[in-house]
C-alpha cells in the first residue's frame, strides 16, 4: 500500500503519517515504538516504500529469532577461517542491504556486544566482517523497533542507551488501536475485503457486528483485529454477526454485557461467544473447557458442533 492511499480519521495516526512523509525522504536512522500488533512492520515498510531507496527491497531482520551466538556473524558476515565452522566466507545482512534499508524488528533482542558494534556502524557506516582487518563502507539505512516499551528496554538494559540516542533522532510512536477507535471500522472493512478475496467469499458485517468491533478495546491491536476478521470470514456465512467475532478477551470486555443487552443479543449468541472464549483459553482442551463450563464432555461436543467451533 502506498502512503498516499492510507486514510485515517484518527488525529494521532494522522500525525504518524505526517512524520513518515517527512522522514522518508531523509537517510536518518529511525526508531519505531508501539505496542505489539500496532503496525510497526507496516510503518517500516511505508517509510522504505516512500524513500529514494524503494527501488531495492526492504530487508527485515527478526532479532528475536537469531541465536545470540550467531547474531554478530549474521549482521556483519565473516571471512573464511574466522572460526572453526567458517569453511566459506559469508556476507552479512548489513552488506546485503547496501543501497537499501535494513529493518531490525525487536532490536532489543540483540546482545549488548552486537548492539555496540551496530552503534559503530550507525556512526561510521563501515562494516568489518569477523576475521577481517579490512573495513567495508556500506550505504544502508537503519530502521529499528523494540518488542517492549522503550522505557522498559532502557531500564532493563535490553537496549544500549548510546544506541538508543543514535536511533532516536527520528522516533515514531504508533498509537494503540484503542486510541484510534475512529479507524477500527475502516480497518475491519478493508480486512474483510482482503479476506473475502483470499477465501473467495462474499461476507458482510451486520451493523451490530461493526458496533461490537468499535466498542472492543483491542489488546492485541491491529494484528488481533485482522485475526478476528479472518476467522469470521472462514467460519461465518455471508452475514457476519457479533456472535461470529471471536475476540481474544471478550469475557473481560468492559462493555460486553452492556453492548449485548443494548443490541438484544440472543442467549445463544452469548453462549457461543463464551464457549469460544473458554475453548481458546484452554487451547481446545475439551476436558478443561468442560470443567470450566460445568458441563459434561458430550454436551460440550454437541454445543461445539452446533456453533461451528470445531
C-alpha atoms as a PDB file:
ATOM      1  CA  UNK A   1       0.000   0.000   0.000  1.00  0.00           C
ATOM      2  CA  UNK A   2       1.260   3.476  -0.914  1.00  0.00           C
ATOM      3  CA  UNK A   3       1.488   6.196   1.694  1.00  0.00           C
ATOM      4  CA  UNK A   4      -0.940   8.462  -0.166  1.00  0.00           C
ATOM      5  CA  UNK A   5      -3.540   5.686  -0.266  1.00  0.00           C
ATOM      6  CA  UNK A   6      -3.862   5.492   3.517  1.00  0.00           C
ATOM      7  CA  UNK A   7      -6.834   7.257   5.033  1.00  0.00           C
ATOM      8  CA  UNK A   8      -7.363   7.896   8.723  1.00  0.00           C
ATOM      9  CA  UNK A   9      -9.823   9.760  10.895  1.00  0.00           C
ATOM     10  CA  UNK A  10      -7.540   9.499  13.914  1.00  0.00           C
ATOM     11  CA  UNK A  11      -5.559  12.691  14.714  1.00  0.00           C
ATOM     12  CA  UNK A  12      -2.821  10.657  16.425  1.00  0.00           C
ATOM     13  CA  UNK A  13      -2.323   8.345  13.445  1.00  0.00           C
ATOM     14  CA  UNK A  14      -2.555  11.270  11.024  1.00  0.00           C
ATOM     15  CA  UNK A  15       0.432  12.732  12.883  1.00  0.00           C
ATOM     16  CA  UNK A  16       2.298   9.430  12.426  1.00  0.00           C
ATOM     17  CA  UNK A  17       1.700   9.628   8.675  1.00  0.00           C
ATOM     18  CA  UNK A  18       2.942  13.222   8.594  1.00  0.00           C
ATOM     19  CA  UNK A  19       6.163  12.153  10.310  1.00  0.00           C
ATOM     20  CA  UNK A  20       6.543   9.210   7.911  1.00  0.00           C
ATOM     21  CA  UNK A  21       6.254  11.528   4.903  1.00  0.00           C
ATOM     22  CA  UNK A  22       8.871  13.843   6.361  1.00  0.00           C
ATOM     23  CA  UNK A  23      11.478  11.275   7.424  1.00  0.00           C
ATOM     24  CA  UNK A  24      11.056   9.009   4.385  1.00  0.00           C
ATOM     25  CA  UNK A  25      12.908  11.494   2.201  1.00  0.00           C
ATOM     26  CA  UNK A  26      15.916  11.566   4.536  1.00  0.00           C
ATOM     27  CA  UNK A  27      18.534   8.950   5.371  1.00  0.00           C
ATOM     28  CA  UNK A  28      18.067   9.373   9.124  1.00  0.00           C
ATOM     29  CA  UNK A  29      18.015   6.252  11.280  1.00  0.00           C
ATOM     30  CA  UNK A  30      14.540   5.715  12.706  1.00  0.00           C
ATOM     31  CA  UNK A  31      13.234   4.098  15.878  1.00  0.00           C
ATOM     32  CA  UNK A  32       9.622   2.895  15.821  1.00  0.00           C
ATOM     33  CA  UNK A  33       7.808   2.405  19.125  1.00  0.00           C
ATOM     34  CA  UNK A  34       4.407   0.880  19.793  1.00  0.00           C
ATOM     35  CA  UNK A  35       2.549  -1.989  21.384  1.00  0.00           C
ATOM     36  CA  UNK A  36       2.679  -5.495  19.944  1.00  0.00           C
ATOM     37  CA  UNK A  37       0.441  -5.729  16.909  1.00  0.00           C
ATOM     38  CA  UNK A  38       0.147  -1.961  16.449  1.00  0.00           C
ATOM     39  CA  UNK A  39       1.753  -1.968  13.000  1.00  0.00           C
ATOM     40  CA  UNK A  40       5.480  -1.308  13.465  1.00  0.00           C
ATOM     41  CA  UNK A  41       6.418  -3.510  10.499  1.00  0.00           C
ATOM     42  CA  UNK A  42       3.823  -1.736   8.361  1.00  0.00           C
ATOM     43  CA  UNK A  43       5.263   1.692   9.218  1.00  0.00           C
ATOM     44  CA  UNK A  44       8.800   0.499   8.426  1.00  0.00           C
ATOM     45  CA  UNK A  45       7.581  -0.691   5.016  1.00  0.00           C
ATOM     46  CA  UNK A  46       5.789   2.616   4.397  1.00  0.00           C
ATOM     47  CA  UNK A  47       8.949   4.589   5.148  1.00  0.00           C
ATOM     48  CA  UNK A  48      11.056   2.464   2.818  1.00  0.00           C
ATOM     49  CA  UNK A  49       8.482   2.464   0.017  1.00  0.00           C
ATOM     50  CA  UNK A  50       8.240   6.273   0.160  1.00  0.00           C
ATOM     51  CA  UNK A  51      12.021   6.749   0.231  1.00  0.00           C
ATOM     52  CA  UNK A  52      14.575   7.163  -2.573  1.00  0.00           C
ATOM     53  CA  UNK A  53      15.729   3.599  -1.714  1.00  0.00           C
ATOM     54  CA  UNK A  54      12.431   1.984  -2.734  1.00  0.00           C
ATOM     55  CA  UNK A  55      13.889   0.526  -5.953  1.00  0.00           C
ATOM     56  CA  UNK A  56      15.613  -2.094  -3.791  1.00  0.00           C
ATOM     57  CA  UNK A  57      13.674  -4.391  -1.432  1.00  0.00           C
ATOM     58  CA  UNK A  58      13.482  -3.706   2.276  1.00  0.00           C
ATOM     59  CA  UNK A  59      15.487  -6.283   4.240  1.00  0.00           C
ATOM     60  CA  UNK A  60      13.984  -7.287   7.586  1.00  0.00           C
ATOM     61  CA  UNK A  61      15.748  -8.998  10.480  1.00  0.00           C
ATOM     62  CA  UNK A  62      13.687 -10.698  13.193  1.00  0.00           C
ATOM     63  CA  UNK A  63      16.177 -10.167  16.003  1.00  0.00           C
ATOM     64  CA  UNK A  64      14.342 -12.444  18.448  1.00  0.00           C
ATOM     65  CA  UNK A  65      14.794 -15.427  16.127  1.00  0.00           C
ATOM     66  CA  UNK A  66      18.591 -15.103  15.828  1.00  0.00           C
ATOM     67  CA  UNK A  67      20.575 -17.071  18.442  1.00  0.00           C
ATOM     68  CA  UNK A  68      22.800 -14.723  20.450  1.00  0.00           C
ATOM     69  CA  UNK A  69      25.903 -16.661  19.398  1.00  0.00           C
ATOM     70  CA  UNK A  70      25.127 -16.100  15.703  1.00  0.00           C
ATOM     71  CA  UNK A  71      23.896 -12.500  15.775  1.00  0.00           C
ATOM     72  CA  UNK A  72      27.259 -10.868  15.030  1.00  0.00           C
ATOM     73  CA  UNK A  73      28.102 -13.134  12.090  1.00  0.00           C
ATOM     74  CA  UNK A  74      24.562 -12.757  10.679  1.00  0.00           C
ATOM     75  CA  UNK A  75      24.805  -8.974  10.659  1.00  0.00           C
ATOM     76  CA  UNK A  76      28.448  -8.394   9.828  1.00  0.00           C
ATOM     77  CA  UNK A  77      29.431 -11.555   7.978  1.00  0.00           C
ATOM     78  CA  UNK A  78      32.731 -13.383   8.264  1.00  0.00           C
ATOM     79  CA  UNK A  79      35.830 -14.428   6.349  1.00  0.00           C
ATOM     80  CA  UNK A  80      36.828 -17.999   5.618  1.00  0.00           C
ATOM     81  CA  UNK A  81      38.540 -19.450   8.689  1.00  0.00           C
ATOM     82  CA  UNK A  82      37.179 -16.798  11.061  1.00  0.00           C
ATOM     83  CA  UNK A  83      36.045 -19.670  13.313  1.00  0.00           C
ATOM     84  CA  UNK A  84      36.010 -23.463  13.157  1.00  0.00           C
ATOM     85  CA  UNK A  85      32.850 -23.793  11.038  1.00  0.00           C
ATOM     86  CA  UNK A  86      33.684 -20.933   8.664  1.00  0.00           C
ATOM     87  CA  UNK A  87      34.673 -23.058   5.671  1.00  0.00           C
ATOM     88  CA  UNK A  88      33.474 -20.346   3.280  1.00  0.00           C
ATOM     89  CA  UNK A  89      33.141 -16.561   3.629  1.00  0.00           C
ATOM     90  CA  UNK A  90      29.673 -15.142   4.265  1.00  0.00           C
ATOM     91  CA  UNK A  91      28.317 -11.678   3.509  1.00  0.00           C
ATOM     92  CA  UNK A  92      26.400 -10.167   6.416  1.00  0.00           C
ATOM     93  CA  UNK A  93      22.943  -8.644   6.315  1.00  0.00           C
ATOM     94  CA  UNK A  94      24.318  -5.088   6.505  1.00  0.00           C
ATOM     95  CA  UNK A  95      26.298  -5.539   3.296  1.00  0.00           C
ATOM     96  CA  UNK A  96      23.398  -7.317   1.594  1.00  0.00           C
ATOM     97  CA  UNK A  97      21.252  -4.254   2.353  1.00  0.00           C
ATOM     98  CA  UNK A  98      23.749  -1.897   0.700  1.00  0.00           C
ATOM     99  CA  UNK A  99      21.775   0.775  -1.141  1.00  0.00           C
ATOM    100  CA  UNK A 100      18.573  -0.202   0.637  1.00  0.00           C
ATOM    101  CA  UNK A 101      17.022  -0.217   4.116  1.00  0.00           C
ATOM    102  CA  UNK A 102      17.631  -2.722   6.903  1.00  0.00           C
ATOM    103  CA  UNK A 103      14.797  -3.083   9.420  1.00  0.00           C
ATOM    104  CA  UNK A 104      15.649  -4.509  12.850  1.00  0.00           C
ATOM    105  CA  UNK A 105      12.429  -5.944  14.276  1.00  0.00           C
ATOM    106  CA  UNK A 106      12.933  -6.213  18.048  1.00  0.00           C
ATOM    107  CA  UNK A 107      16.405  -4.707  18.197  1.00  0.00           C
ATOM    108  CA  UNK A 108      16.351  -5.078  21.987  1.00  0.00           C
ATOM    109  CA  UNK A 109      16.862  -8.840  21.487  1.00  0.00           C
ATOM    110  CA  UNK A 110      20.366  -8.319  20.083  1.00  0.00           C
ATOM    111  CA  UNK A 111      23.219  -8.985  22.554  1.00  0.00           C
ATOM    112  CA  UNK A 112      24.820  -5.869  24.057  1.00  0.00           C
ATOM    113  CA  UNK A 113      28.127  -6.620  22.304  1.00  0.00           C
ATOM    114  CA  UNK A 114      26.398  -6.726  18.924  1.00  0.00           C
ATOM    115  CA  UNK A 115      24.489  -3.536  19.732  1.00  0.00           C
ATOM    116  CA  UNK A 116      27.845  -1.886  20.454  1.00  0.00           C
ATOM    117  CA  UNK A 117      29.218  -2.941  17.070  1.00  0.00           C
ATOM    118  CA  UNK A 118      25.996  -1.803  15.395  1.00  0.00           C
ATOM    119  CA  UNK A 119      26.424   1.588  17.067  1.00  0.00           C
ATOM    120  CA  UNK A 120      29.761   1.955  15.315  1.00  0.00           C
ATOM    121  CA  UNK A 121      28.092   1.168  12.006  1.00  0.00           C
ATOM    122  CA  UNK A 122      25.384   3.785  12.587  1.00  0.00           C
ATOM    123  CA  UNK A 123      28.103   6.342  13.348  1.00  0.00           C
ATOM    124  CA  UNK A 124      30.640   5.477  10.639  1.00  0.00           C
ATOM    125  CA  UNK A 125      28.761   3.374   8.047  1.00  0.00           C
ATOM    126  CA  UNK A 126      31.532   0.787   7.873  1.00  0.00           C
ATOM    127  CA  UNK A 127      31.398  -2.978   8.351  1.00  0.00           C
ATOM    128  CA  UNK A 128      34.268  -5.189   9.466  1.00  0.00           C
ATOM    129  CA  UNK A 129      33.424  -8.882   8.947  1.00  0.00           C
ATOM    130  CA  UNK A 130      34.606 -11.376  11.546  1.00  0.00           C
ATOM    131  CA  UNK A 131      38.150 -12.488  10.799  1.00  0.00           C
ATOM    132  CA  UNK A 132      38.878  -9.453   8.613  1.00  0.00           C
ATOM    133  CA  UNK A 133      41.062  -6.426   9.237  1.00  0.00           C
ATOM    134  CA  UNK A 134      39.512  -4.514   6.349  1.00  0.00           C
ATOM    135  CA  UNK A 135      36.567  -2.160   6.789  1.00  0.00           C
ATOM    136  CA  UNK A 136      33.920  -2.015   4.065  1.00  0.00           C
ATOM    137  CA  UNK A 137      31.817   1.098   3.507  1.00  0.00           C
ATOM    138  CA  UNK A 138      28.098   0.287   3.350  1.00  0.00           C
ATOM    139  CA  UNK A 139      25.307   2.647   2.331  1.00  0.00           C
ATOM    140  CA  UNK A 140      22.443   1.206   4.326  1.00  0.00           C
ATOM    141  CA  UNK A 141      19.636   2.960   6.142  1.00  0.00           C
ATOM    142  CA  UNK A 142      18.645   1.628   9.574  1.00  0.00           C
ATOM    143  CA  UNK A 143      15.087   1.377  10.889  1.00  0.00           C
ATOM    144  CA  UNK A 144      14.535  -0.357  14.220  1.00  0.00           C
ATOM    145  CA  UNK A 145      11.718  -1.251  16.577  1.00  0.00           C
ATOM    146  CA  UNK A 146      11.550  -2.695  20.084  1.00  0.00           C
ATOM    147  CA  UNK A 147       9.353  -5.567  21.228  1.00  0.00           C
ATOM    148  CA  UNK A 148       8.755  -3.824  24.572  1.00  0.00           C
ATOM    149  CA  UNK A 149       8.082  -0.188  25.539  1.00  0.00           C
ATOM    150  CA  UNK A 150      11.235   1.913  25.184  1.00  0.00           C
ATOM    151  CA  UNK A 151      11.258   2.844  28.874  1.00  0.00           C
ATOM    152  CA  UNK A 152      11.354  -0.824  29.854  1.00  0.00           C
ATOM    153  CA  UNK A 153      14.048  -1.651  27.291  1.00  0.00           C
ATOM    154  CA  UNK A 154      16.258   1.128  28.632  1.00  0.00           C
ATOM    155  CA  UNK A 155      15.523   0.473  32.304  1.00  0.00           C
ATOM    156  CA  UNK A 156      16.252  -3.247  31.975  1.00  0.00           C
ATOM    157  CA  UNK A 157      19.276  -2.521  29.751  1.00  0.00           C
ATOM    158  CA  UNK A 158      17.856  -4.508  26.835  1.00  0.00           C
ATOM    159  CA  UNK A 159      18.718  -1.565  24.594  1.00  0.00           C
ATOM    160  CA  UNK A 160      22.026   0.259  24.955  1.00  0.00           C
ATOM    161  CA  UNK A 161      21.452   3.880  25.850  1.00  0.00           C
ATOM    162  CA  UNK A 162      24.070   5.163  23.408  1.00  0.00           C
ATOM    163  CA  UNK A 163      22.497   3.181  20.556  1.00  0.00           C
ATOM    164  CA  UNK A 164      19.066   4.457  21.569  1.00  0.00           C
ATOM    165  CA  UNK A 165      20.228   8.066  21.316  1.00  0.00           C
ATOM    166  CA  UNK A 166      21.722   7.416  17.885  1.00  0.00           C
ATOM    167  CA  UNK A 167      18.499   5.875  16.624  1.00  0.00           C
ATOM    168  CA  UNK A 168      16.014   8.160  18.349  1.00  0.00           C
ATOM    169  CA  UNK A 169      16.745  11.344  16.400  1.00  0.00           C
ATOM    170  CA  UNK A 170      13.634  10.328  14.465  1.00  0.00           C
ATOM    171  CA  UNK A 171      11.287   8.372  16.734  1.00  0.00           C
ATOM    172  CA  UNK A 172       7.804   7.374  15.615  1.00  0.00           C
ATOM    173  CA  UNK A 173       5.299   6.458  18.339  1.00  0.00           C
ATOM    174  CA  UNK A 174       2.444   4.379  16.923  1.00  0.00           C
ATOM    175  CA  UNK A 175      -0.802   4.758  18.890  1.00  0.00           C
ATOM    176  CA  UNK A 176      -2.574   1.636  20.105  1.00  0.00           C
ATOM    177  CA  UNK A 177      -5.730   0.739  18.192  1.00  0.00           C
ATOM    178  CA  UNK A 178      -7.876   1.618  21.232  1.00  0.00           C
ATOM    179  CA  UNK A 179      -6.504   5.171  20.898  1.00  0.00           C
ATOM    180  CA  UNK A 180      -7.649   5.423  17.275  1.00  0.00           C
ATOM    181  CA  UNK A 181     -11.134   3.985  17.560  1.00  0.00           C
ATOM    182  CA  UNK A 182     -12.235   6.191  14.639  1.00  0.00           C
ATOM    183  CA  UNK A 183     -10.282   3.857  12.345  1.00  0.00           C
ATOM    184  CA  UNK A 184     -11.480   0.482  13.644  1.00  0.00           C
ATOM    185  CA  UNK A 185     -14.415   0.217  11.238  1.00  0.00           C
ATOM    186  CA  UNK A 186     -12.440   1.181   8.125  1.00  0.00           C
ATOM    187  CA  UNK A 187      -9.606  -1.219   9.026  1.00  0.00           C
ATOM    188  CA  UNK A 188     -12.110  -4.015   9.626  1.00  0.00           C
ATOM    189  CA  UNK A 189     -13.876  -3.387   6.305  1.00  0.00           C
ATOM    190  CA  UNK A 190     -10.547  -3.293   4.470  1.00  0.00           C
ATOM    191  CA  UNK A 191      -9.555  -6.582   6.125  1.00  0.00           C
ATOM    192  CA  UNK A 192     -12.935  -8.066   5.212  1.00  0.00           C
ATOM    193  CA  UNK A 193     -12.374  -7.208   1.555  1.00  0.00           C
ATOM    194  CA  UNK A 194      -8.886  -8.719   1.684  1.00  0.00           C
ATOM    195  CA  UNK A 195     -10.048 -12.000   3.232  1.00  0.00           C
ATOM    196  CA  UNK A 196     -13.150 -12.229   1.048  1.00  0.00           C
ATOM    197  CA  UNK A 197     -10.840 -12.210  -1.942  1.00  0.00           C
ATOM    198  CA  UNK A 198      -8.424 -14.668  -0.336  1.00  0.00           C
ATOM    199  CA  UNK A 199     -11.113 -17.214   0.562  1.00  0.00           C
ATOM    200  CA  UNK A 200     -13.462 -16.459  -2.353  1.00  0.00           C
ATOM    201  CA  UNK A 201     -16.259 -15.405  -0.033  1.00  0.00           C
ATOM    202  CA  UNK A 202     -18.779 -12.562  -0.117  1.00  0.00           C
ATOM    203  CA  UNK A 203     -19.200 -11.887   3.599  1.00  0.00           C
ATOM    204  CA  UNK A 204     -20.514  -8.625   5.035  1.00  0.00           C
ATOM    205  CA  UNK A 205     -20.659  -7.222   8.565  1.00  0.00           C
ATOM    206  CA  UNK A 206     -24.028  -6.551  10.130  1.00  0.00           C
ATOM    207  CA  UNK A 207     -24.375  -3.104  11.697  1.00  0.00           C
ATOM    208  CA  UNK A 208     -24.361  -4.841  15.097  1.00  0.00           C
ATOM    209  CA  UNK A 209     -21.051  -6.519  14.283  1.00  0.00           C
ATOM    210  CA  UNK A 210     -19.441  -3.205  13.326  1.00  0.00           C
ATOM    211  CA  UNK A 211     -20.713  -1.604  16.521  1.00  0.00           C
ATOM    212  CA  UNK A 212     -19.321  -4.505  18.515  1.00  0.00           C
ATOM    213  CA  UNK A 213     -15.917  -4.144  16.853  1.00  0.00           C
ATOM    214  CA  UNK A 214     -15.877  -0.411  17.595  1.00  0.00           C
ATOM    215  CA  UNK A 215     -16.669  -0.978  21.263  1.00  0.00           C
ATOM    216  CA  UNK A 216     -13.924  -3.545  21.915  1.00  0.00           C
ATOM    217  CA  UNK A 217     -10.622  -2.426  23.476  1.00  0.00           C
ATOM    218  CA  UNK A 218      -8.310  -4.462  21.174  1.00  0.00           C
ATOM    219  CA  UNK A 219      -5.450  -5.506  23.489  1.00  0.00           C
ATOM    220  CA  UNK A 220      -3.774  -7.190  20.500  1.00  0.00           C
ATOM    221  CA  UNK A 221      -4.204  -4.105  18.315  1.00  0.00           C
ATOM    222  CA  UNK A 222      -4.423  -4.357  14.507  1.00  0.00           C
ATOM    223  CA  UNK A 223      -2.990  -7.870  14.460  1.00  0.00           C
ATOM    224  CA  UNK A 224      -5.847  -9.078  16.660  1.00  0.00           C
ATOM    225  CA  UNK A 225      -8.440  -7.261  14.539  1.00  0.00           C
ATOM    226  CA  UNK A 226      -7.088  -8.892  11.374  1.00  0.00           C
ATOM    227  CA  UNK A 227      -7.187 -12.340  13.002  1.00  0.00           C
ATOM    228  CA  UNK A 228     -10.761 -11.816  14.215  1.00  0.00           C
ATOM    229  CA  UNK A 229     -11.953 -10.769  10.754  1.00  0.00           C
ATOM    230  CA  UNK A 230     -10.142 -13.639   9.038  1.00  0.00           C
ATOM    231  CA  UNK A 231     -11.669 -16.166  11.451  1.00  0.00           C
ATOM    232  CA  UNK A 232     -15.138 -14.712  10.838  1.00  0.00           C
ATOM    233  CA  UNK A 233     -14.762 -14.867   7.053  1.00  0.00           C
ATOM    234  CA  UNK A 234     -13.650 -18.502   7.241  1.00  0.00           C
ATOM    235  CA  UNK A 235     -16.322 -19.736   9.651  1.00  0.00           C
ATOM    236  CA  UNK A 236     -19.344 -17.443   9.202  1.00  0.00           C
ATOM    237  CA  UNK A 237     -21.845 -17.242   6.384  1.00  0.00           C
ATOM    238  CA  UNK A 238     -22.390 -14.226   4.160  1.00  0.00           C
ATOM    239  CA  UNK A 239     -23.621 -12.160   7.111  1.00  0.00           C
ATOM    240  CA  UNK A 240     -21.124 -11.681   9.963  1.00  0.00           C
ATOM    241  CA  UNK A 241     -22.894 -11.086  13.291  1.00  0.00           C
ATOM    242  CA  UNK A 242     -21.383 -10.256  16.710  1.00  0.00           C
ATOM    243  CA  UNK A 243     -21.536 -13.947  17.641  1.00  0.00           C
ATOM    244  CA  UNK A 244     -19.138 -14.695  14.753  1.00  0.00           C
ATOM    245  CA  UNK A 245     -16.463 -12.356  16.140  1.00  0.00           C
ATOM    246  CA  UNK A 246     -14.258 -14.457  18.394  1.00  0.00           C
ATOM    247  CA  UNK A 247     -12.366 -11.860  20.414  1.00  0.00           C
ATOM    248  CA  UNK A 248      -9.276 -12.699  22.444  1.00  0.00           C
ATOM    249  CA  UNK A 249     -10.521 -11.136  25.664  1.00  0.00           C
ATOM    250  CA  UNK A 250     -14.273 -10.980  25.201  1.00  0.00           C
ATOM    251  CA  UNK A 251     -15.137 -12.173  28.706  1.00  0.00           C
ATOM    252  CA  UNK A 252     -13.331  -9.220  30.286  1.00  0.00           C
ATOM    253  CA  UNK A 253     -14.609  -6.756  27.678  1.00  0.00           C
ATOM    254  CA  UNK A 254     -15.793  -3.851  29.884  1.00  0.00           C
ATOM    255  CA  UNK A 255     -18.656  -3.048  27.543  1.00  0.00           C
ATOM    256  CA  UNK A 256     -19.538  -6.601  26.588  1.00  0.00           C
ATOM    257  CA  UNK A 257     -22.674  -7.249  28.664  1.00  0.00           C
ATOM    258  CA  UNK A 258     -23.957  -3.705  28.243  1.00  0.00           C
ATOM    259  CA  UNK A 259     -23.478  -3.933  24.496  1.00  0.00           C
ATOM    260  CA  UNK A 260     -25.095  -7.362  24.359  1.00  0.00           C
ATOM    261  CA  UNK A 261     -28.159  -6.079  26.192  1.00  0.00           C
ATOM    262  CA  UNK A 262     -28.382  -2.899  24.111  1.00  0.00           C
ATOM    263  CA  UNK A 263     -28.215  -4.923  20.905  1.00  0.00           C
ATOM    264  CA  UNK A 264     -30.595  -7.570  22.253  1.00  0.00           C
ATOM    265  CA  UNK A 265     -28.171 -10.384  21.525  1.00  0.00           C
ATOM    266  CA  UNK A 266     -29.779 -13.779  21.988  1.00  0.00           C
ATOM    267  CA  UNK A 267     -28.794 -16.162  24.740  1.00  0.00           C
ATOM    268  CA  UNK A 268     -27.454 -18.495  22.044  1.00  0.00           C
ATOM    269  CA  UNK A 269     -25.168 -15.749  20.707  1.00  0.00           C
ATOM    270  CA  UNK A 270     -23.840 -15.097  24.206  1.00  0.00           C
ATOM    271  CA  UNK A 271     -23.353 -18.811  24.824  1.00  0.00           C
ATOM    272  CA  UNK A 272     -21.447 -19.225  21.555  1.00  0.00           C
ATOM    273  CA  UNK A 273     -19.114 -16.328  22.375  1.00  0.00           C
ATOM    274  CA  UNK A 274     -18.432 -17.627  25.868  1.00  0.00           C
ATOM    275  CA  UNK A 275     -17.808 -21.220  24.781  1.00  0.00           C
ATOM    276  CA  UNK A 276     -15.473 -19.996  22.027  1.00  0.00           C
ATOM    277  CA  UNK A 277     -13.537 -17.919  24.562  1.00  0.00           C
ATOM    278  CA  UNK A 278     -13.179 -20.811  27.011  1.00  0.00           C
ATOM    279  CA  UNK A 279     -12.011 -23.117  24.214  1.00  0.00           C
ATOM    280  CA  UNK A 280      -9.467 -20.501  23.175  1.00  0.00           C
ATOM    281  CA  UNK A 281      -8.139 -20.067  26.705  1.00  0.00           C
ATOM    282  CA  UNK A 282      -7.865 -23.856  27.178  1.00  0.00           C
ATOM    283  CA  UNK A 283      -6.303 -24.235  23.716  1.00  0.00           C
ATOM    284  CA  UNK A 284      -9.131 -26.519  22.643  1.00  0.00           C
ATOM    285  CA  UNK A 285      -8.704 -28.968  25.542  1.00  0.00           C
ATOM    286  CA  UNK A 286     -12.229 -30.369  25.875  1.00  0.00           C
ATOM    287  CA  UNK A 287     -11.761 -31.756  29.375  1.00  0.00           C
ATOM    288  CA  UNK A 288     -10.528 -28.477  30.823  1.00  0.00           C
ATOM    289  CA  UNK A 289     -13.127 -26.461  28.915  1.00  0.00           C
ATOM    290  CA  UNK A 290     -15.957 -28.731  30.095  1.00  0.00           C
ATOM    291  CA  UNK A 291     -14.791 -28.346  33.687  1.00  0.00           C
ATOM    292  CA  UNK A 292     -14.815 -24.539  33.433  1.00  0.00           C
ATOM    293  CA  UNK A 293     -18.227 -24.533  31.733  1.00  0.00           C
ATOM    294  CA  UNK A 294     -19.626 -27.022  34.277  1.00  0.00           C
ATOM    295  CA  UNK A 295     -20.956 -29.353  31.568  1.00  0.00           C
ATOM    296  CA  UNK A 296     -20.015 -32.880  30.596  1.00  0.00           C
ATOM    297  CA  UNK A 297     -17.764 -33.588  27.628  1.00  0.00           C
ATOM    298  CA  UNK A 298     -20.641 -34.930  25.497  1.00  0.00           C
ATOM    299  CA  UNK A 299     -22.648 -31.719  25.972  1.00  0.00           C
ATOM    300  CA  UNK A 300     -19.628 -29.585  25.080  1.00  0.00           C
ATOM    301  CA  UNK A 301     -19.018 -31.604  21.913  1.00  0.00           C
ATOM    302  CA  UNK A 302     -22.642 -31.132  20.920  1.00  0.00           C
ATOM    303  CA  UNK A 303     -22.530 -27.365  21.503  1.00  0.00           C
ATOM    304  CA  UNK A 304     -19.191 -27.025  19.747  1.00  0.00           C
ATOM    305  CA  UNK A 305     -20.692 -28.740  16.698  1.00  0.00           C
ATOM    306  CA  UNK A 306     -23.876 -26.668  16.935  1.00  0.00           C
ATOM    307  CA  UNK A 307     -21.988 -23.359  16.917  1.00  0.00           C
ATOM    308  CA  UNK A 308     -19.427 -24.357  14.304  1.00  0.00           C
ATOM    309  CA  UNK A 309     -16.498 -24.082  16.712  1.00  0.00           C
ATOM    310  CA  UNK A 310     -14.743 -27.275  15.618  1.00  0.00           C
END
